Amino acid sequence: MEKAGWRYEKDTHFYNLDVVYYALSQEAWQPDDSFYSLRLRSP
């Protein structure tokens, strides 16, 4: 994920599953003409 520009956030659990959070900065985002959706995360 890091090679693709994603930054590690944290390890956590979700319904007894181990999950890993990654984030991509707005500056690193390079959209093309594919469909995508942006969500604003509250601080």
C-alpha atoms as a PDB file:
ATOM      1  CA  MET A   1       0.000   0.000   0.000  1.00  0.00           C
ATOM      2  CA  GLU A   2       2.837   2.409   0.825  1.00  0.00           C
ATOM      3  CA  LYS A   3       4.273   1.959  -2.695  1.00  0.00           C
ATOM      4  CA  ALA A   4       0.946   3.235  -4.062  1.00  0.00           C
ATOM      5  CA  GLY A   5       1.118   6.377  -1.885  1.00  0.00           C
ATOM      6  CA  TRP A   6      -1.097   5.194   0.970  1.00  0.00           C
ATOM      7  CA  ARG A   7      -0.053   5.987   4.568  1.00  0.00           C
ATOM      8  CA  TYR A   8      -0.497   3.479   7.412  1.00  0.00           C
ATOM      9  CA  GLU A   9      -2.955   4.739  10.056  1.00  0.00           C
ATOM     10  CA  LYS A  10      -3.583   1.933  12.585  1.00  0.00           C
ATOM     11  CA  ASP A  11      -4.395  -1.710  13.280  1.00  0.00           C
ATOM     12  CA  THR A  12      -7.765  -2.404  14.874  1.00  0.00           C
ATOM     13  CA  HIS A  13     -10.575  -4.961  15.154  1.00  0.00           C
ATOM     14  CA  PHE A  14     -13.980  -4.944  13.480  1.00  0.00           C
ATOM     15  CA  TYR A  15     -16.509  -7.648  14.408  1.00  0.00           C
ATOM     16  CA  ASN A  16     -13.692  -9.996  15.533  1.00  0.00           C
ATOM     17  CA  LEU A  17     -11.657  -9.354  12.371  1.00  0.00           C
ATOM     18  CA  ASP A  18      -8.196  -7.811  12.344  1.00  0.00           C
ATOM     19  CA  VAL A  19      -8.205  -4.803  10.018  1.00  0.00           C
ATOM     20  CA  VAL A  20      -5.643  -2.197   8.984  1.00  0.00           C
ATOM     21  CA  TYR A  21      -6.478   1.446   8.226  1.00  0.00           C
ATOM     22  CA  TYR A  22      -4.618   3.256   5.446  1.00  0.00           C
ATOM     23  CA  ALA A  23      -5.124   6.828   4.231  1.00  0.00           C
ATOM     24  CA  LEU A  24      -4.334   8.702   1.043  1.00  0.00           C
ATOM     25  CA  SER A  25      -3.732  12.440   1.228  1.00  0.00           C
ATOM     26  CA  GLN A  26      -5.729  14.773  -0.953  1.00  0.00           C
ATOM     27  CA  GLU A  27      -2.487  15.997  -2.544  1.00  0.00           C
ATOM     28  CA  ALA A  28      -1.493  12.442  -3.526  1.00  0.00           C
ATOM     29  CA  TRP A  29      -4.873  11.714  -5.154  1.00  0.00           C
ATOM     30  CA  GLN A  30      -4.642  11.770  -8.957  1.00  0.00           C
ATOM     31  CA  PRO A  31      -8.120  11.106 -10.352  1.00  0.00           C
ATOM     32  CA  ASP A  32      -8.742   9.892 -13.885  1.00  0.00           C
ATOM     33  CA  ASP A  33     -12.091   9.667 -15.671  1.00  0.00           C
ATOM     34  CA  SER A  34     -13.201   6.641 -13.582  1.00  0.00           C
ATOM     35  CA  PHE A  35     -16.097   6.999 -11.130  1.00  0.00           C
ATOM     36  CA  TYR A  36     -14.981   7.861  -7.593  1.00  0.00           C
ATOM     37  CA  SER A  37     -16.481   9.214  -4.398  1.00  0.00           C
ATOM     38  CA  LEU A  38     -14.857  11.477  -1.789  1.00  0.00           C
ATOM     39  CA  ARG A  39     -15.899  11.465   1.869  1.00  0.00           C
ATOM     40  CA  LEU A  40     -14.847  14.130   4.370  1.00  0.00           C
ATOM     41  CA  ARG A  41     -13.606  12.682   7.646  1.00  0.00           C
ATOM     42  CA  SER A  42     -14.359  14.762  10.741  1.00  0.00           C
ATOM     43  CA  PRO A  43     -11.327  15.582  12.911  1.00  0.00           C
END
